[in-house]
Amino acid sequence: MKSLAEKIAPDAIKKLIPYQSARRIGGEGHLWLNANELEASCVYEGQQGAYHRYPDFLPDKLASAYLEYCQTHAPAMGCKAVAVRGADEAIDLLVRTFCQPGVDKVMVCPPTYAMYEFCADSIAVEALKVPLLSDFQLDMEEIISQLDVVNILFLCSPNNPTGNIISQTDIITLLDLAKDKALVVVDEAYIEFAPQTTVVGLIEQYPNLVVIRTLSKAFGLASVRCGFLLADDSVMDMVTRLIAPYPIADPTAEIALAALTEKGICQMNTQTDDLITIREWFASELNQLEIVEQVFTSSTNFLLVKFNTPICMYRYLCSKGIVTRNQVHEPALSNCVRITIGSQESMRETLLALKQMEAERI
């Protein structure tokens, strides 16, 4: 019996023979003359190691370390992990693997992360939009009415840019309804700020569930570009046909492995707790300002703030040297600015700028 992944993948993907790189083919010996590499590394200023050999085709050690980390909050049984170059590559891989340009569709629920739609648009895959409700939860009735015509449903929880958790009950309902129809992809980029809400533990029961993770947020490794796809074997079998010959550079893998040690995870957890404390203090302070209409509840390292002034708060803060994220492009988020949570000092400076603006308005 065909898996859902095999059913929805285009024929071109199913027929695709993965590129046979030197590392994929492998071999045993003491002279490695199979990959057109130098036998010794050139030495460049600032170089910390020897980088003349291609990295592992799929860094199994890194994937294993991440699966072990996942067990902290959910039993990642029946689940495979693969390391990719950031969550953005994971999104792109899923669209290219399971959607045929000009034929298949994906579904997104704005306001949400724009890369889902961008990756679909980039290969002429239509992105159906079902906007979130006023409380930023899923419009279940509308999603269900269109679930039959899409190959992938992208969800983000905690959601960017709204910061809220998507109801797990709703996600499970959609997984059941989409079991033989579509993949449900849950982007958990911010999951360390609400670890108890992860859906990784559902993968064993729902092979149509795919989870995306990253080390860019809570682990603070945005420039390293390391993310993970967590999925059932049947999904991974298709996705890995498209993965680049050498997906993760050795320096990236080394840094990521250090982050996933007991010491690294402890450091991440401490920093995350500190950011949550600062976030809640900053939200409380913002709620006392007359220019603030609403501070939305957040389970991330940012706050979505709605202002009640005709002045563009994004531009005003920029004039003070404080760069935030304007949300004016989202119809549901007029007068909203997304503010990343930084140090206590940074948030005090931001708060002072807003208080000055409020005083000037009065």
Protein backbone atom coordinates (compact mmCIF):
# COMPACT_ATOMS: atom_id res chain seq x y z
CA MET A 1 0.00 0.00 0.00
CA LYS A 2 1.38 3.39 -0.99
CA SER A 3 2.13 5.93 1.71
CA LEU A 4 0.63 9.39 1.46
CA ALA A 5 4.08 10.79 0.68
CA GLU A 6 4.44 8.45 -2.28
CA LYS A 7 0.92 9.21 -3.49
CA ILE A 8 1.27 13.00 -3.57
CA ALA A 9 4.88 13.28 -4.72
CA PRO A 10 5.09 14.12 -8.45
CA ASP A 11 6.21 11.30 -10.74
CA ALA A 12 9.41 13.19 -11.54
CA ILE A 13 10.40 13.04 -7.87
CA LYS A 14 9.51 9.38 -7.51
CA LYS A 15 11.67 8.56 -10.54
CA LEU A 16 14.52 10.76 -9.36
CA ILE A 17 17.77 8.99 -8.59
CA PRO A 18 19.63 10.98 -5.94
CA TYR A 19 22.96 12.47 -7.00
CA GLN A 20 25.68 9.95 -6.23
CA SER A 21 28.26 12.08 -4.46
CA ALA A 22 31.56 10.63 -3.30
CA ARG A 23 30.35 10.65 0.30
CA ARG A 24 27.06 8.96 -0.57
CA ILE A 25 28.83 6.17 -2.46
CA GLY A 26 31.40 5.79 0.32
CA GLY A 27 34.13 3.16 0.31
CA GLU A 28 37.03 1.94 2.42
CA GLY A 29 40.71 2.63 2.01
CA HIS A 30 43.67 4.70 3.10
CA LEU A 31 44.06 6.85 -0.02
CA TRP A 32 41.00 8.99 -0.74
CA LEU A 33 41.22 9.89 -4.41
CA ASN A 34 37.53 9.78 -5.28
CA ALA A 35 36.20 13.33 -4.78
CA ASN A 36 38.75 15.60 -6.46
CA GLU A 37 39.69 17.11 -3.12
CA LEU A 38 43.10 18.35 -2.04
CA GLU A 39 44.97 15.90 0.17
CA ALA A 40 46.03 18.74 2.44
CA SER A 41 44.26 21.92 3.37
CA CYS A 42 45.47 25.31 2.30
CA VAL A 43 46.06 27.44 5.38
CA TYR A 44 44.21 30.76 5.44
CA GLU A 45 44.33 33.48 8.04
CA GLY A 46 41.95 32.77 10.89
CA GLN A 47 41.37 29.14 9.83
CA GLN A 48 40.71 26.88 12.79
CA GLY A 49 40.71 23.46 11.15
CA ALA A 50 41.33 21.45 8.01
CA TYR A 51 38.49 21.86 5.54
CA HIS A 52 39.84 20.20 2.40
CA ARG A 53 37.52 17.19 2.58
CA TYR A 54 33.84 17.31 1.67
CA PRO A 55 31.52 16.90 4.68
CA ASP A 56 29.38 13.83 5.32
CA PHE A 57 26.52 13.43 2.85
CA LEU A 58 23.98 13.34 5.68
CA PRO A 59 25.42 14.20 9.10
CA ASP A 60 23.91 11.28 11.02
CA LYS A 61 25.64 12.28 14.25
CA LEU A 62 23.95 15.69 14.15
CA ALA A 63 20.53 14.20 13.34
CA SER A 64 20.90 11.70 16.21
CA ALA A 65 21.89 14.45 18.62
CA TYR A 66 18.85 16.48 17.67
CA LEU A 67 16.47 13.53 18.05
CA GLU A 68 17.91 12.91 21.52
CA TYR A 69 17.30 16.57 22.37
CA CYS A 70 13.68 16.25 21.15
CA GLN A 71 13.06 13.47 23.65
CA THR A 72 13.34 16.09 26.42
CA HIS A 73 9.78 17.29 25.79
CA ALA A 74 8.13 14.62 23.64
CA PRO A 75 8.77 10.98 22.71
CA ALA A 76 10.09 11.29 19.15
CA MET A 77 9.22 7.70 18.30
CA GLY A 78 8.72 6.66 14.69
CA CYS A 79 10.43 9.87 13.70
CA LYS A 80 13.46 10.56 11.53
CA ALA A 81 15.51 13.75 11.55
CA VAL A 82 17.56 15.35 8.83
CA ALA A 83 19.68 18.47 9.20
CA VAL A 84 19.16 21.22 6.62
CA ARG A 85 20.48 24.72 6.02
CA GLY A 86 17.96 26.52 8.18
CA ALA A 87 14.19 26.15 8.39
CA ASP A 88 13.84 28.03 5.09
CA GLU A 89 15.54 25.20 3.21
CA ALA A 90 13.21 22.73 4.92
CA ILE A 91 10.19 24.65 3.62
CA ASP A 92 11.65 24.85 0.13
CA LEU A 93 12.48 21.13 0.09
CA LEU A 94 8.96 20.15 1.11
CA VAL A 95 7.34 22.27 -1.60
CA ARG A 96 9.70 21.03 -4.32
CA THR A 97 9.35 17.41 -3.21
CA PHE A 98 5.58 17.17 -2.91
CA CYS A 99 4.20 19.74 -5.35
CA GLN A 100 4.23 19.79 -9.13
CA PRO A 101 4.55 23.34 -10.55
CA GLY A 102 1.39 24.61 -12.20
CA VAL A 103 -0.63 21.67 -10.88
CA ASP A 104 -0.52 21.25 -7.11
CA LYS A 105 -1.42 23.66 -4.31
CA VAL A 106 -0.39 24.42 -0.74
CA MET A 107 -2.39 26.18 1.97
CA VAL A 108 -1.21 28.94 4.29
CA CYS A 109 -2.99 30.77 7.11
CA PRO A 110 -1.96 34.43 7.25
CA PRO A 111 -0.78 36.37 9.07
CA THR A 112 2.05 33.84 9.27
CA TYR A 113 5.61 33.27 8.11
CA ALA A 114 5.90 34.52 4.52
CA MET A 115 8.39 31.90 3.32
CA TYR A 116 5.67 29.25 2.88
CA GLU A 117 3.98 31.30 0.21
CA PHE A 118 7.28 32.55 -1.24
CA CYS A 119 8.67 29.04 -1.74
CA ALA A 120 5.42 27.95 -3.42
CA ASP A 121 5.34 31.04 -5.66
CA SER A 122 8.98 30.50 -6.66
CA ILE A 123 8.10 27.27 -8.48
CA ALA A 124 4.60 28.23 -9.67
CA VAL A 125 2.73 26.30 -6.98
CA GLU A 126 -0.46 28.08 -5.96
CA ALA A 127 -0.77 29.04 -2.30
CA LEU A 128 -4.38 29.08 -1.09
CA LYS A 129 -4.90 31.51 1.78
CA VAL A 130 -7.22 30.89 4.70
CA PRO A 131 -6.71 33.82 7.10
CA LEU A 132 -6.59 33.26 10.83
CA LEU A 133 -9.62 34.25 12.90
CA SER A 134 -9.61 37.42 15.00
CA ASP A 135 -8.07 35.48 17.92
CA PHE A 136 -5.34 34.22 15.55
CA GLN A 137 -6.62 30.65 15.71
CA LEU A 138 -7.39 28.54 12.63
CA ASP A 139 -10.54 29.00 10.58
CA MET A 140 -11.25 25.29 10.75
CA GLU A 141 -14.41 25.33 8.67
CA GLU A 142 -12.72 27.09 5.75
CA ILE A 143 -9.54 24.99 5.96
CA ILE A 144 -11.52 21.75 5.96
CA SER A 145 -13.59 22.89 2.97
CA GLN A 146 -10.39 23.20 0.87
CA LEU A 147 -8.26 20.42 2.35
CA ASP A 148 -9.02 18.05 -0.53
CA VAL A 149 -7.27 20.26 -3.10
CA VAL A 150 -3.91 20.85 -1.41
CA ASN A 151 -0.82 18.70 -0.99
CA ILE A 152 0.60 20.60 1.98
CA LEU A 153 -0.95 22.63 4.79
CA PHE A 154 1.60 24.91 6.47
CA LEU A 155 1.00 25.88 10.10
CA CYS A 156 3.29 27.84 12.41
CA SER A 157 3.08 27.27 16.17
CA PRO A 158 4.07 29.40 17.99
CA ASN A 159 3.06 31.60 15.09
CA ASN A 160 5.16 34.34 13.54
CA PRO A 161 4.30 37.27 13.63
CA THR A 162 1.38 36.90 16.06
CA GLY A 163 3.26 34.95 18.76
CA ASN A 164 0.41 32.65 19.76
CA ILE A 165 0.09 28.88 20.01
CA ILE A 166 -2.17 27.15 17.49
CA SER A 167 -4.69 24.86 19.20
CA GLN A 168 -3.26 21.34 19.30
CA THR A 169 -6.81 19.97 19.24
CA ASP A 170 -7.33 21.69 15.90
CA ILE A 171 -4.01 20.36 14.58
CA ILE A 172 -4.97 16.80 15.53
CA THR A 173 -8.38 17.22 13.88
CA LEU A 174 -6.67 18.34 10.67
CA LEU A 175 -4.17 15.49 10.84
CA ASP A 176 -7.06 13.03 11.02
CA LEU A 177 -8.94 14.66 8.14
CA ALA A 178 -5.82 14.98 5.99
CA LYS A 179 -4.49 11.50 6.70
CA ASP A 180 -4.88 10.28 3.12
CA LYS A 181 -4.91 13.71 1.47
CA ALA A 182 -2.21 16.13 2.54
CA LEU A 183 0.87 16.67 4.64
CA VAL A 184 0.39 18.91 7.65
CA VAL A 185 3.63 20.79 8.26
CA VAL A 186 4.02 22.44 11.67
CA ASP A 187 6.81 24.99 11.89
CA GLU A 188 8.11 24.97 15.47
CA ALA A 189 10.88 27.54 15.06
CA TYR A 190 9.99 29.11 18.43
CA ILE A 191 9.13 25.91 20.28
CA GLU A 192 11.76 26.37 23.02
CA PHE A 193 9.65 29.25 24.34
CA ALA A 194 6.66 26.90 24.76
CA PRO A 195 8.14 23.37 24.71
CA GLN A 196 5.07 21.71 26.22
CA THR A 197 3.11 22.52 23.03
CA THR A 198 5.26 20.55 20.60
CA VAL A 199 3.54 18.08 18.27
CA VAL A 200 6.66 15.98 17.58
CA GLY A 201 5.22 13.15 19.68
CA LEU A 202 2.35 12.79 17.20
CA ILE A 203 4.53 11.81 14.22
CA GLU A 204 4.43 8.10 15.07
CA GLN A 205 0.62 8.16 14.99
CA TYR A 206 0.35 10.54 12.04
CA PRO A 207 2.83 9.85 9.20
CA ASN A 208 1.34 12.86 7.38
CA LEU A 209 2.78 15.19 10.05
CA VAL A 210 6.07 16.98 9.39
CA VAL A 211 7.75 19.23 11.96
CA ILE A 212 10.28 21.95 11.14
CA ARG A 213 12.80 23.10 13.76
CA THR A 214 15.74 25.51 13.83
CA LEU A 215 18.76 26.46 15.92
CA SER A 216 18.40 30.09 14.82
CA LYS A 217 16.07 31.29 17.58
CA ALA A 218 16.44 30.03 21.16
CA PHE A 219 19.86 28.50 20.48
CA GLY A 220 21.05 31.84 19.09
CA LEU A 221 22.75 30.38 16.00
CA ALA A 222 21.04 32.36 13.24
CA SER A 223 24.23 32.86 11.19
CA VAL A 224 25.14 29.16 11.38
CA ARG A 225 22.10 28.20 9.26
CA CYS A 226 21.10 24.89 10.76
CA GLY A 227 17.58 23.55 10.91
CA PHE A 228 15.89 20.16 11.04
CA LEU A 229 13.09 18.26 9.38
CA LEU A 230 11.35 15.71 11.59
CA ALA A 231 9.13 13.24 9.79
CA ASP A 232 8.09 9.68 9.11
CA ASP A 233 10.34 7.40 7.03
CA SER A 234 7.98 7.61 4.06
CA VAL A 235 8.30 11.41 3.93
CA MET A 236 12.07 11.34 4.40
CA ASP A 237 12.47 8.82 1.62
CA MET A 238 11.11 11.40 -0.83
CA VAL A 239 12.73 14.51 0.66
CA THR A 240 16.24 13.09 0.76
CA ARG A 241 16.15 12.54 -3.00
CA LEU A 242 16.35 16.31 -3.42
CA ILE A 243 18.79 17.23 -0.67
CA ALA A 244 22.05 18.74 -1.92
CA PRO A 245 25.08 16.41 -2.09
CA TYR A 246 26.73 17.97 0.96
CA PRO A 247 23.92 19.65 2.89
CA ILE A 248 25.70 20.70 6.07
CA ALA A 249 29.17 22.25 6.20
CA ASP A 250 31.54 20.77 8.79
CA PRO A 251 31.91 24.04 10.76
CA THR A 252 28.11 24.27 10.98
CA ALA A 253 27.83 20.68 12.18
CA GLU A 254 30.58 21.21 14.78
CA ILE A 255 28.88 24.31 16.21
CA ALA A 256 25.46 22.65 16.17
CA LEU A 257 26.77 19.54 17.95
CA ALA A 258 28.32 21.75 20.65
CA ALA A 259 24.96 23.50 21.10
CA LEU A 260 23.21 20.14 21.51
CA THR A 261 25.46 18.92 24.32
CA GLU A 262 24.09 18.88 27.86
CA LYS A 263 26.02 22.07 28.60
CA GLY A 264 24.78 23.78 25.43
CA ILE A 265 21.15 22.88 26.09
CA CYS A 266 21.42 24.06 29.70
CA GLN A 267 22.81 27.39 28.51
CA MET A 268 19.99 27.73 25.97
CA ASN A 269 17.34 26.96 28.60
CA THR A 270 18.77 29.55 31.00
CA GLN A 271 18.86 32.20 28.30
CA THR A 272 15.32 31.33 27.19
CA ASP A 273 14.01 31.66 30.75
CA ASP A 274 15.70 35.05 31.04
CA LEU A 275 14.14 36.24 27.76
CA ILE A 276 10.68 35.11 28.87
CA THR A 277 11.07 37.07 32.10
CA ILE A 278 12.12 40.19 30.18
CA ARG A 279 9.29 39.67 27.68
CA GLU A 280 6.65 39.55 30.39
CA TRP A 281 8.08 42.62 32.13
CA PHE A 282 8.23 44.53 28.83
CA ALA A 283 4.65 43.54 27.96
CA SER A 284 3.46 44.77 31.36
CA GLU A 285 5.22 48.11 30.85
CA LEU A 286 3.82 48.51 27.34
CA ASN A 287 0.29 47.90 28.57
CA GLN A 288 0.58 51.00 30.75
CA LEU A 289 1.19 53.29 27.77
CA GLU A 290 -1.76 55.23 26.36
CA ILE A 291 -0.41 54.93 22.81
CA VAL A 292 -0.59 51.13 23.04
CA GLU A 293 -3.93 49.61 22.08
CA GLN A 294 -2.99 45.97 22.63
CA VAL A 295 -0.01 43.78 23.44
CA PHE A 296 -0.76 40.32 22.10
CA THR A 297 0.06 37.30 24.25
CA SER A 298 3.29 35.74 23.04
CA SER A 299 4.95 32.33 23.37
CA THR A 300 8.04 33.46 21.45
CA ASN A 301 11.00 35.84 21.78
CA PHE A 302 9.00 38.75 20.38
CA LEU A 303 5.86 40.78 21.06
CA LEU A 304 3.28 41.93 18.55
CA VAL A 305 2.13 45.38 19.63
CA LYS A 306 -0.81 47.36 18.24
CA PHE A 307 -0.64 51.14 18.60
CA ASN A 308 -3.53 53.60 18.53
CA THR A 309 -1.65 56.54 17.06
CA PRO A 310 -1.73 57.69 13.42
CA ILE A 311 2.04 58.05 13.57
CA CYS A 312 3.92 55.09 12.11
CA MET A 313 5.59 53.63 15.17
CA TYR A 314 8.01 51.63 13.07
CA ARG A 315 9.37 54.82 11.49
CA TYR A 316 9.36 56.66 14.80
CA LEU A 317 11.42 53.96 16.51
CA CYS A 318 13.78 53.87 13.52
CA SER A 319 14.37 57.61 14.03
CA LYS A 320 15.60 56.71 17.52
CA GLY A 321 17.92 54.03 16.14
CA ILE A 322 15.62 51.16 17.15
CA VAL A 323 14.76 48.84 14.26
CA THR A 324 11.62 46.75 14.69
CA ARG A 325 9.43 44.93 12.15
CA ASN A 326 6.54 46.81 10.54
CA GLN A 327 3.42 44.69 9.97
CA VAL A 328 1.53 47.19 7.81
CA HIS A 329 1.60 44.75 4.87
CA GLU A 330 -0.74 42.39 6.76
CA PRO A 331 -4.42 43.51 6.52
CA ALA A 332 -5.20 42.01 9.93
CA LEU A 333 -2.27 43.76 11.61
CA SER A 334 -2.77 47.44 10.86
CA ASN A 335 -0.83 49.72 13.23
CA CYS A 336 1.09 46.71 14.51
CA VAL A 337 4.83 46.41 15.09
CA ARG A 338 6.70 43.25 15.98
CA ILE A 339 9.39 43.86 18.60
CA THR A 340 12.06 41.26 19.27
CA ILE A 341 12.94 40.79 22.94
CA GLY A 342 16.55 41.69 23.65
CA SER A 343 18.42 42.46 26.85
CA GLN A 344 16.83 44.33 29.73
CA GLU A 345 18.89 47.36 28.72
CA SER A 346 17.68 47.22 25.11
CA MET A 347 14.05 46.94 26.16
CA ARG A 348 14.43 49.83 28.62
CA GLU A 349 15.78 51.99 25.81
CA THR A 350 12.84 51.00 23.59
CA LEU A 351 10.38 51.73 26.38
CA LEU A 352 11.96 55.14 27.01
CA ALA A 353 11.63 56.03 23.32
CA LEU A 354 7.93 55.09 23.40
CA LYS A 355 7.35 57.10 26.57
CA GLN A 356 9.02 60.11 24.95
CA MET A 357 6.75 59.77 21.95
CA GLU A 358 3.71 59.56 24.22
CA ALA A 359 4.80 62.68 26.11
CA GLU A 360 5.34 64.57 22.85
CA ARG A 361 1.85 63.63 21.68
CA ILE A 362 0.31 64.96 24.87
